Amino acid sequence: MRIGVIGGGRMGAGIAQVFLAAGDHVTVQEPEARAARDRIAQGLGVAEARGGGRRDEALARLELGPVPADASLVIEAVPEDPKLKAEVLGEAEARLPGGAVLATNTSSLSIAELSAGLERPERLIGMHFFNPVPVQKLVEIVVTRATAPEVLDVARRQVERVGKTAVVVNDSPGFATSRLGVLLGLEAIRMVEDGVASAEDIDTAMTLGYGHPMGPLKLGDLVGLDVRLAIAEYLHTKLGPRFEPPRLLRDKVAAGELGRKTGKGFYEW
């Protein structure tokens, strides 16, 4: 099967990796092609060391370049900028045959709004993978009123084929996972801000007391506090004051303390 991935950052590289591991031919469209290939190669190498298939065989099926016209599924995984996403989705649609499925990996943006400029909005669906993609088992599939039933069927089959579990939700700000996850993360930040407990103790309370695999503050560091802030601001405009970002979150982002990618957030990395 021919898969296209638009964006070769952490998410795009992870998505490409899981489809390569499933035996597909994958084309990644990314301006920094060498960096994208290195990310994918590193991920496949880690998987091989854990018994997850041969890296070199998978890399032989990887291409870097524009979305191929013969792709049956193209997944957009560029940053959470609605204008940018709409632009690359429109460009991809123009290259694809009418029967291809176009998916966006957005974690919170409206699928209907992203599809507004498309000629075939019924062919767009949300496929929200989680970071790190090769490890996380969930994919949140997001449908609009316009989504064609066969497009949902394709998305479900592809999620199952790469060894993950799908949940299907209707198009709504934040969907299910971001809406709940961001709300929990924002309240945890407010608790640090109010001096209720340390970040470490809040996270330990959630991991040991509620069985979460990772506390909300460490998860925020992993996702990126700038990403967390952008999603919170979007949800604040759509869903009201309960999603208003705490001052502490704004201050950390302004100071460049974005989490793991900068070496410091609520934790030292």
C-alpha atoms as a PDB file:
ATOM      1  CA  MET A   1       0.000   0.000   0.000  1.00  0.00           C
ATOM      2  CA  ARG A   2       1.213   3.517  -0.786  1.00  0.00           C
ATOM      3  CA  ILE A   3       0.986   5.951   2.139  1.00  0.00           C
ATOM      4  CA  GLY A   4       1.800   9.656   2.121  1.00  0.00           C
ATOM      5  CA  VAL A   5       2.779  11.610   5.234  1.00  0.00           C
ATOM      6  CA  ILE A   6       3.008  15.396   5.154  1.00  0.00           C
ATOM      7  CA  GLY A   7       5.429  16.569   7.810  1.00  0.00           C
ATOM      8  CA  GLY A   8       8.541  14.800   9.037  1.00  0.00           C
ATOM      9  CA  GLY A   9       8.798  16.092  12.591  1.00  0.00           C
ATOM     10  CA  ARG A  10       8.356  13.920  15.665  1.00  0.00           C
ATOM     11  CA  MET A  11       4.736  13.024  14.880  1.00  0.00           C
ATOM     12  CA  GLY A  12       5.116  12.640  11.125  1.00  0.00           C
ATOM     13  CA  ALA A  13       8.233  10.515  11.503  1.00  0.00           C
ATOM     14  CA  GLY A  14       6.457   8.301  14.023  1.00  0.00           C
ATOM     15  CA  ILE A  15       3.452   7.853  11.742  1.00  0.00           C
ATOM     16  CA  ALA A  16       5.737   7.002   8.829  1.00  0.00           C
ATOM     17  CA  GLN A  17       7.580   4.486  11.006  1.00  0.00           C
ATOM     18  CA  VAL A  18       4.500   2.491  11.974  1.00  0.00           C
ATOM     19  CA  PHE A  19       3.308   2.216   8.364  1.00  0.00           C
ATOM     20  CA  LEU A  20       6.776   1.201   7.196  1.00  0.00           C
ATOM     21  CA  ALA A  21       6.833  -1.442   9.938  1.00  0.00           C
ATOM     22  CA  ALA A  22       3.493  -2.713   8.601  1.00  0.00           C
ATOM     23  CA  GLY A  23       5.099  -3.302   5.193  1.00  0.00           C
ATOM     24  CA  ASP A  24       3.850  -0.229   3.332  1.00  0.00           C
ATOM     25  CA  HIS A  25       5.645   2.065   0.918  1.00  0.00           C
ATOM     26  CA  VAL A  26       5.704   5.506   2.532  1.00  0.00           C
ATOM     27  CA  THR A  27       6.515   8.912   1.050  1.00  0.00           C
ATOM     28  CA  VAL A  28       7.229  11.710   3.521  1.00  0.00           C
ATOM     29  CA  GLN A  29       6.868  15.295   2.346  1.00  0.00           C
ATOM     30  CA  GLU A  30       9.160  17.424   4.489  1.00  0.00           C
ATOM     31  CA  PRO A  31      11.449  20.387   3.606  1.00  0.00           C
ATOM     32  CA  GLU A  32      14.139  19.101   5.999  1.00  0.00           C
ATOM     33  CA  ALA A  33      14.237  15.694   4.337  1.00  0.00           C
ATOM     34  CA  ARG A  34      17.525  14.489   5.818  1.00  0.00           C
ATOM     35  CA  ALA A  35      16.405  15.246   9.379  1.00  0.00           C
ATOM     36  CA  ALA A  36      13.122  13.434   8.753  1.00  0.00           C
ATOM     37  CA  ARG A  37      14.900  10.372   7.394  1.00  0.00           C
ATOM     38  CA  ASP A  38      17.267  10.348  10.367  1.00  0.00           C
ATOM     39  CA  ARG A  39      14.325  10.448  12.799  1.00  0.00           C
ATOM     40  CA  ILE A  40      12.613   7.563  11.047  1.00  0.00           C
ATOM     41  CA  ALA A  41      15.816   5.538  10.802  1.00  0.00           C
ATOM     42  CA  GLN A  42      16.516   6.057  14.492  1.00  0.00           C
ATOM     43  CA  GLY A  43      13.000   4.977  15.435  1.00  0.00           C
ATOM     44  CA  LEU A  44      13.198   1.875  13.254  1.00  0.00           C
ATOM     45  CA  GLY A  45      16.583   1.078  14.774  1.00  0.00           C
ATOM     46  CA  VAL A  46      15.137   1.221  18.283  1.00  0.00           C
ATOM     47  CA  ALA A  47      12.268  -1.025  17.169  1.00  0.00           C
ATOM     48  CA  GLU A  48      14.693  -3.512  15.589  1.00  0.00           C
ATOM     49  CA  ALA A  49      16.714  -3.696  18.810  1.00  0.00           C
ATOM     50  CA  ARG A  50      13.471  -4.666  20.566  1.00  0.00           C
ATOM     51  CA  GLY A  51      12.645  -7.339  18.010  1.00  0.00           C
ATOM     52  CA  GLY A  52      10.347  -5.167  15.921  1.00  0.00           C
ATOM     53  CA  GLY A  53      11.545  -5.901  12.388  1.00  0.00           C
ATOM     54  CA  ARG A  54      14.528  -5.044  10.215  1.00  0.00           C
ATOM     55  CA  ARG A  55      15.377  -1.371   9.952  1.00  0.00           C
ATOM     56  CA  ASP A  56      17.073  -1.506   6.542  1.00  0.00           C
ATOM     57  CA  GLU A  57      14.212  -3.417   4.922  1.00  0.00           C
ATOM     58  CA  ALA A  58      11.725  -0.806   6.140  1.00  0.00           C
ATOM     59  CA  LEU A  59      13.945   2.105   5.088  1.00  0.00           C
ATOM     60  CA  ALA A  60      14.123   0.673   1.570  1.00  0.00           C
ATOM     61  CA  ARG A  61      10.395   1.394   1.267  1.00  0.00           C
ATOM     62  CA  LEU A  62      10.782   5.033   2.389  1.00  0.00           C
ATOM     63  CA  GLU A  63      10.850   7.930  -0.061  1.00  0.00           C
ATOM     64  CA  LEU A  64      11.224  11.649   0.629  1.00  0.00           C
ATOM     65  CA  GLY A  65       9.404  14.053  -1.650  1.00  0.00           C
ATOM     66  CA  PRO A  66       5.983  15.379  -2.664  1.00  0.00           C
ATOM     67  CA  VAL A  67       2.865  13.384  -1.848  1.00  0.00           C
ATOM     68  CA  PRO A  68       2.623  10.692  -4.554  1.00  0.00           C
ATOM     69  CA  ALA A  69      -0.383  10.817  -6.857  1.00  0.00           C
ATOM     70  CA  ASP A  70      -0.953   7.073  -6.385  1.00  0.00           C
ATOM     71  CA  ALA A  71      -1.241   7.245  -2.577  1.00  0.00           C
ATOM     72  CA  SER A  72      -4.423   5.686  -1.223  1.00  0.00           C
ATOM     73  CA  LEU A  73      -4.059   7.383   2.187  1.00  0.00           C
ATOM     74  CA  VAL A  74      -2.302  10.663   2.983  1.00  0.00           C
ATOM     75  CA  ILE A  75      -1.904  11.814   6.577  1.00  0.00           C
ATOM     76  CA  GLU A  76      -1.083  15.453   7.312  1.00  0.00           C
ATOM     77  CA  ALA A  77       1.096  15.956  10.397  1.00  0.00           C
ATOM     78  CA  VAL A  78       2.304  19.558  10.257  1.00  0.00           C
ATOM     79  CA  PRO A  79       2.201  21.962  13.260  1.00  0.00           C
ATOM     80  CA  GLU A  80      -1.147  22.954  14.815  1.00  0.00           C
ATOM     81  CA  ASP A  81      -1.655  26.015  12.639  1.00  0.00           C
ATOM     82  CA  PRO A  82      -5.083  25.959  10.950  1.00  0.00           C
ATOM     83  CA  LYS A  83      -3.959  28.092   8.012  1.00  0.00           C
ATOM     84  CA  LEU A  84      -0.931  25.893   7.356  1.00  0.00           C
ATOM     85  CA  LYS A  85      -2.927  22.689   7.696  1.00  0.00           C
ATOM     86  CA  ALA A  86      -5.666  23.910   5.339  1.00  0.00           C
ATOM     87  CA  GLU A  87      -3.033  24.930   2.809  1.00  0.00           C
ATOM     88  CA  VAL A  88      -1.163  21.607   2.740  1.00  0.00           C
ATOM     89  CA  LEU A  89      -4.405  19.615   2.732  1.00  0.00           C
ATOM     90  CA  GLY A  90      -5.613  21.562  -0.298  1.00  0.00           C
ATOM     91  CA  GLU A  91      -2.316  20.991  -2.105  1.00  0.00           C
ATOM     92  CA  ALA A  92      -2.434  17.277  -1.323  1.00  0.00           C
ATOM     93  CA  GLU A  93      -6.037  16.928  -2.498  1.00  0.00           C
ATOM     94  CA  ALA A  94      -5.112  18.490  -5.845  1.00  0.00           C
ATOM     95  CA  ARG A  95      -2.510  15.744  -6.416  1.00  0.00           C
ATOM     96  CA  LEU A  96      -4.700  12.799  -5.394  1.00  0.00           C
ATOM     97  CA  PRO A  97      -7.359  10.812  -7.250  1.00  0.00           C
ATOM     98  CA  GLY A  98     -10.961  11.191  -6.110  1.00  0.00           C
ATOM     99  CA  GLY A  99     -10.995   7.910  -4.207  1.00  0.00           C
ATOM    100  CA  ALA A 100      -8.004   8.661  -1.957  1.00  0.00           C
ATOM    101  CA  VAL A 101      -8.477   9.277   1.758  1.00  0.00           C
ATOM    102  CA  LEU A 102      -7.017  12.435   3.265  1.00  0.00           C
ATOM    103  CA  ALA A 103      -6.446  12.538   7.021  1.00  0.00           C
ATOM    104  CA  THR A 104      -5.278  15.180   9.461  1.00  0.00           C
ATOM    105  CA  ASN A 105      -3.398  14.390  12.650  1.00  0.00           C
ATOM    106  CA  THR A 106      -4.691  17.492  14.465  1.00  0.00           C
ATOM    107  CA  SER A 107      -5.222  17.047  18.190  1.00  0.00           C
ATOM    108  CA  SER A 108      -7.860  19.757  18.585  1.00  0.00           C
ATOM    109  CA  LEU A 109      -8.703  21.754  15.445  1.00  0.00           C
ATOM    110  CA  SER A 110     -12.107  21.441  13.783  1.00  0.00           C
ATOM    111  CA  ILE A 111     -12.063  18.899  10.957  1.00  0.00           C
ATOM    112  CA  ALA A 112     -15.043  20.624   9.331  1.00  0.00           C
ATOM    113  CA  GLU A 113     -13.214  23.953   9.298  1.00  0.00           C
ATOM    114  CA  LEU A 114     -10.087  22.350   7.839  1.00  0.00           C
ATOM    115  CA  SER A 115     -12.206  20.744   5.111  1.00  0.00           C
ATOM    116  CA  ALA A 116     -14.024  23.959   4.198  1.00  0.00           C
ATOM    117  CA  GLY A 117     -11.647  24.775   1.337  1.00  0.00           C
ATOM    118  CA  LEU A 118     -11.515  21.254  -0.094  1.00  0.00           C
ATOM    119  CA  GLU A 119     -13.329  20.123  -3.202  1.00  0.00           C
ATOM    120  CA  ARG A 120     -14.080  16.751  -1.601  1.00  0.00           C
ATOM    121  CA  PRO A 121     -14.660  17.433   2.129  1.00  0.00           C
ATOM    122  CA  GLU A 122     -16.279  14.006   2.499  1.00  0.00           C
ATOM    123  CA  ARG A 123     -12.822  12.422   1.910  1.00  0.00           C
ATOM    124  CA  LEU A 124     -11.197  14.165   4.914  1.00  0.00           C
ATOM    125  CA  ILE A 125     -11.093  12.509   8.331  1.00  0.00           C
ATOM    126  CA  GLY A 126      -9.221  13.088  11.572  1.00  0.00           C
ATOM    127  CA  MET A 127      -6.641  10.463  12.562  1.00  0.00           C
ATOM    128  CA  HIS A 128      -5.149  11.710  15.835  1.00  0.00           C
ATOM    129  CA  PHE A 129      -2.082   9.645  16.697  1.00  0.00           C
ATOM    130  CA  PHE A 130      -0.366  10.027  20.063  1.00  0.00           C
ATOM    131  CA  ASN A 131       3.243  10.769  20.949  1.00  0.00           C
ATOM    132  CA  PRO A 132       5.420   8.715  20.736  1.00  0.00           C
ATOM    133  CA  VAL A 133       3.516   7.138  17.848  1.00  0.00           C
ATOM    134  CA  PRO A 134       5.349   3.778  17.738  1.00  0.00           C
ATOM    135  CA  VAL A 135       4.579   3.171  21.424  1.00  0.00           C
ATOM    136  CA  GLN A 136       1.141   4.674  22.011  1.00  0.00           C
ATOM    137  CA  LYS A 137      -1.712   2.314  21.132  1.00  0.00           C
ATOM    138  CA  LEU A 138      -4.564   4.772  20.628  1.00  0.00           C
ATOM    139  CA  VAL A 139      -5.700   6.593  17.490  1.00  0.00           C
ATOM    140  CA  GLU A 140      -8.631   8.975  17.818  1.00  0.00           C
ATOM    141  CA  ILE A 141     -10.655   8.965  14.596  1.00  0.00           C
ATOM    142  CA  VAL A 142     -12.701  12.138  14.138  1.00  0.00           C
ATOM    143  CA  VAL A 143     -15.655  12.344  11.758  1.00  0.00           C
ATOM    144  CA  THR A 144     -17.769  15.237  10.550  1.00  0.00           C
ATOM    145  CA  ARG A 145     -21.321  15.189   9.235  1.00  0.00           C
ATOM    146  CA  ALA A 146     -19.837  15.157   5.729  1.00  0.00           C
ATOM    147  CA  THR A 147     -17.419  12.247   6.241  1.00  0.00           C
ATOM    148  CA  ALA A 148     -18.224   9.414   3.841  1.00  0.00           C
ATOM    149  CA  PRO A 149     -18.891   6.053   5.572  1.00  0.00           C
ATOM    150  CA  GLU A 150     -16.278   4.292   3.433  1.00  0.00           C
ATOM    151  CA  VAL A 151     -13.665   6.830   4.542  1.00  0.00           C
ATOM    152  CA  LEU A 152     -14.330   5.920   8.168  1.00  0.00           C
ATOM    153  CA  ASP A 153     -14.056   2.229   7.233  1.00  0.00           C
ATOM    154  CA  VAL A 154     -10.657   2.833   5.617  1.00  0.00           C
ATOM    155  CA  ALA A 155      -9.381   4.753   8.638  1.00  0.00           C
ATOM    156  CA  ARG A 156     -10.509   2.023  11.036  1.00  0.00           C
ATOM    157  CA  ARG A 157      -8.873  -0.717   8.955  1.00  0.00           C
ATOM    158  CA  GLN A 158      -5.598   1.156   8.714  1.00  0.00           C
ATOM    159  CA  VAL A 159      -5.486   1.812  12.450  1.00  0.00           C
ATOM    160  CA  GLU A 160      -6.054  -1.880  13.164  1.00  0.00           C
ATOM    161  CA  ARG A 161      -3.516  -2.911  10.526  1.00  0.00           C
ATOM    162  CA  VAL A 162      -0.701  -0.984  12.213  1.00  0.00           C
ATOM    163  CA  GLY A 163      -1.552  -2.602  15.551  1.00  0.00           C
ATOM    164  CA  LYS A 164      -3.409   0.224  17.236  1.00  0.00           C
ATOM    165  CA  THR A 165      -6.871   0.712  18.711  1.00  0.00           C
ATOM    166  CA  ALA A 166      -9.323   3.259  17.326  1.00  0.00           C
ATOM    167  CA  VAL A 167     -11.969   5.295  19.105  1.00  0.00           C
ATOM    168  CA  VAL A 168     -14.424   7.260  16.960  1.00  0.00           C
ATOM    169  CA  VAL A 169     -15.632  10.693  18.043  1.00  0.00           C
ATOM    170  CA  ASN A 170     -17.656  13.431  16.393  1.00  0.00           C
ATOM    171  CA  ASP A 171     -15.969  16.657  15.349  1.00  0.00           C
ATOM    172  CA  SER A 172     -15.923  18.937  18.399  1.00  0.00           C
ATOM    173  CA  PRO A 173     -13.274  21.287  19.863  1.00  0.00           C
ATOM    174  CA  GLY A 174     -10.573  19.156  21.470  1.00  0.00           C
ATOM    175  CA  PHE A 175     -12.418  15.961  20.495  1.00  0.00           C
ATOM    176  CA  ALA A 176     -12.398  13.579  23.493  1.00  0.00           C
ATOM    177  CA  THR A 177      -8.750  13.138  24.398  1.00  0.00           C
ATOM    178  CA  SER A 178      -7.416  16.691  24.154  1.00  0.00           C
ATOM    179  CA  ARG A 179     -10.518  18.120  25.800  1.00  0.00           C
ATOM    180  CA  LEU A 180     -10.116  15.891  28.858  1.00  0.00           C
ATOM    181  CA  GLY A 181      -6.328  15.747  28.879  1.00  0.00           C
ATOM    182  CA  VAL A 182      -5.792  19.495  28.560  1.00  0.00           C
ATOM    183  CA  LEU A 183      -8.366  20.241  31.258  1.00  0.00           C
ATOM    184  CA  LEU A 184      -6.568  17.910  33.682  1.00  0.00           C
ATOM    185  CA  GLY A 185      -3.184  19.386  32.733  1.00  0.00           C
ATOM    186  CA  LEU A 186      -4.361  22.968  33.249  1.00  0.00           C
ATOM    187  CA  GLU A 187      -5.752  22.172  36.693  1.00  0.00           C
ATOM    188  CA  ALA A 188      -2.468  20.493  37.650  1.00  0.00           C
ATOM    189  CA  ILE A 189      -0.603  23.663  36.616  1.00  0.00           C
ATOM    190  CA  ARG A 190      -2.975  25.781  38.710  1.00  0.00           C
ATOM    191  CA  MET A 191      -2.252  23.527  41.686  1.00  0.00           C
ATOM    192  CA  VAL A 192       1.501  24.150  41.297  1.00  0.00           C
ATOM    193  CA  GLU A 193       0.773  27.861  40.874  1.00  0.00           C
ATOM    194  CA  ASP A 194      -1.320  27.879  44.079  1.00  0.00           C
ATOM    195  CA  GLY A 195       1.309  25.966  46.051  1.00  0.00           C
ATOM    196  CA  VAL A 196      -0.910  22.924  46.629  1.00  0.00           C
ATOM    197  CA  ALA A 197       1.940  20.484  45.946  1.00  0.00           C
ATOM    198  CA  SER A 198       5.063  20.066  43.858  1.00  0.00           C
ATOM    199  CA  ALA A 199       4.875  18.962  40.237  1.00  0.00           C
ATOM    200  CA  GLU A 200       6.489  15.660  41.197  1.00  0.00           C
ATOM    201  CA  ASP A 201       3.979  14.936  43.958  1.00  0.00           C
ATOM    202  CA  ILE A 202       0.975  15.880  41.808  1.00  0.00           C
ATOM    203  CA  ASP A 203       2.192  13.523  39.083  1.00  0.00           C
ATOM    204  CA  THR A 204       2.885  10.738  41.570  1.00  0.00           C
ATOM    205  CA  ALA A 205      -0.631  11.148  42.974  1.00  0.00           C
ATOM    206  CA  MET A 206      -2.110  10.606  39.505  1.00  0.00           C
ATOM    207  CA  THR A 207       0.140   7.701  38.540  1.00  0.00           C
ATOM    208  CA  LEU A 208      -0.184   5.747  41.789  1.00  0.00           C
ATOM    209  CA  GLY A 209      -3.612   6.934  42.913  1.00  0.00           C
ATOM    210  CA  TYR A 210      -5.415   6.799  39.572  1.00  0.00           C
ATOM    211  CA  GLY A 211      -3.263   4.466  37.512  1.00  0.00           C
ATOM    212  CA  HIS A 212      -2.251   7.036  34.898  1.00  0.00           C
ATOM    213  CA  PRO A 213       0.907   5.891  33.074  1.00  0.00           C
ATOM    214  CA  MET A 214       2.309   9.427  33.338  1.00  0.00           C
ATOM    215  CA  GLY A 215       1.357  12.460  35.406  1.00  0.00           C
ATOM    216  CA  PRO A 216      -0.236  15.480  33.662  1.00  0.00           C
ATOM    217  CA  LEU A 217       2.730  17.784  34.258  1.00  0.00           C
ATOM    218  CA  LYS A 218       5.353  15.390  32.936  1.00  0.00           C
ATOM    219  CA  LEU A 219       3.059  14.705  29.988  1.00  0.00           C
ATOM    220  CA  GLY A 220       2.850  18.449  29.339  1.00  0.00           C
ATOM    221  CA  ASP A 221       6.639  18.610  29.284  1.00  0.00           C
ATOM    222  CA  LEU A 222       6.745  15.707  26.849  1.00  0.00           C
ATOM    223  CA  VAL A 223       4.146  17.210  24.496  1.00  0.00           C
ATOM    224  CA  GLY A 224       5.667  20.694  24.778  1.00  0.00           C
ATOM    225  CA  LEU A 225       4.297  23.478  26.955  1.00  0.00           C
ATOM    226  CA  ASP A 226       4.031  25.743  23.909  1.00  0.00           C
ATOM    227  CA  VAL A 227       1.824  23.136  22.239  1.00  0.00           C
ATOM    228  CA  ARG A 228      -0.194  22.781  25.440  1.00  0.00           C
ATOM    229  CA  LEU A 229      -0.667  26.557  25.593  1.00  0.00           C
ATOM    230  CA  ALA A 230      -1.761  26.814  21.946  1.00  0.00           C
ATOM    231  CA  ILE A 231      -4.373  24.087  22.403  1.00  0.00           C
ATOM    232  CA  ALA A 232      -5.613  25.646  25.645  1.00  0.00           C
ATOM    233  CA  GLU A 233      -5.991  29.035  23.972  1.00  0.00           C
ATOM    234  CA  TYR A 234      -7.954  27.477  21.124  1.00  0.00           C
ATOM    235  CA  LEU A 235     -10.246  25.575  23.503  1.00  0.00           C
ATOM    236  CA  HIS A 236     -10.662  28.714  25.604  1.00  0.00           C
ATOM    237  CA  THR A 237     -12.078  30.549  22.583  1.00  0.00           C
ATOM    238  CA  LYS A 238     -14.379  27.632  21.722  1.00  0.00           C
ATOM    239  CA  LEU A 239     -15.463  26.230  25.099  1.00  0.00           C
ATOM    240  CA  GLY A 240     -15.117  29.052  27.581  1.00  0.00           C
ATOM    241  CA  PRO A 241     -13.255  30.084  30.738  1.00  0.00           C
ATOM    242  CA  ARG A 242     -12.578  26.619  32.163  1.00  0.00           C
ATOM    243  CA  PHE A 243      -9.837  26.324  29.513  1.00  0.00           C
ATOM    244  CA  GLU A 244      -8.215  29.695  30.252  1.00  0.00           C
ATOM    245  CA  PRO A 245      -4.433  29.086  30.418  1.00  0.00           C
ATOM    246  CA  PRO A 246      -2.888  29.679  33.874  1.00  0.00           C
ATOM    247  CA  ARG A 247      -0.368  32.489  34.238  1.00  0.00           C
ATOM    248  CA  LEU A 248       2.344  29.972  35.172  1.00  0.00           C
ATOM    249  CA  LEU A 249       1.944  28.218  31.814  1.00  0.00           C
ATOM    250  CA  ARG A 250       2.206  31.508  29.925  1.00  0.00           C
ATOM    251  CA  ASP A 251       5.262  32.516  31.954  1.00  0.00           C
ATOM    252  CA  LYS A 252       7.078  29.242  31.265  1.00  0.00           C
ATOM    253  CA  VAL A 253       6.423  29.471  27.540  1.00  0.00           C
ATOM    254  CA  ALA A 254       7.559  33.119  27.483  1.00  0.00           C
ATOM    255  CA  ALA A 255      10.760  32.090  29.297  1.00  0.00           C
ATOM    256  CA  GLY A 256      11.443  29.332  26.760  1.00  0.00           C
ATOM    257  CA  GLU A 257      10.835  26.580  29.313  1.00  0.00           C
ATOM    258  CA  LEU A 258       8.901  24.349  26.937  1.00  0.00           C
ATOM    259  CA  GLY A 259       9.628  20.938  28.443  1.00  0.00           C
ATOM    260  CA  ARG A 260      11.799  18.134  27.145  1.00  0.00           C
ATOM    261  CA  LYS A 261      12.666  19.805  23.845  1.00  0.00           C
ATOM    262  CA  THR A 262      14.345  22.756  25.610  1.00  0.00           C
ATOM    263  CA  GLY A 263      15.667  20.815  28.605  1.00  0.00           C
ATOM    264  CA  LYS A 264      13.390  22.422  31.157  1.00  0.00           C
ATOM    265  CA  GLY A 265       9.674  22.746  31.834  1.00  0.00           C
ATOM    266  CA  PHE A 266       8.125  21.514  35.070  1.00  0.00           C
ATOM    267  CA  TYR A 267      11.067  19.091  35.143  1.00  0.00           C
ATOM    268  CA  GLU A 268      14.745  19.211  34.243  1.00  0.00           C
ATOM    269  CA  TRP A 269      15.400  16.997  31.204  1.00  0.00           C
END
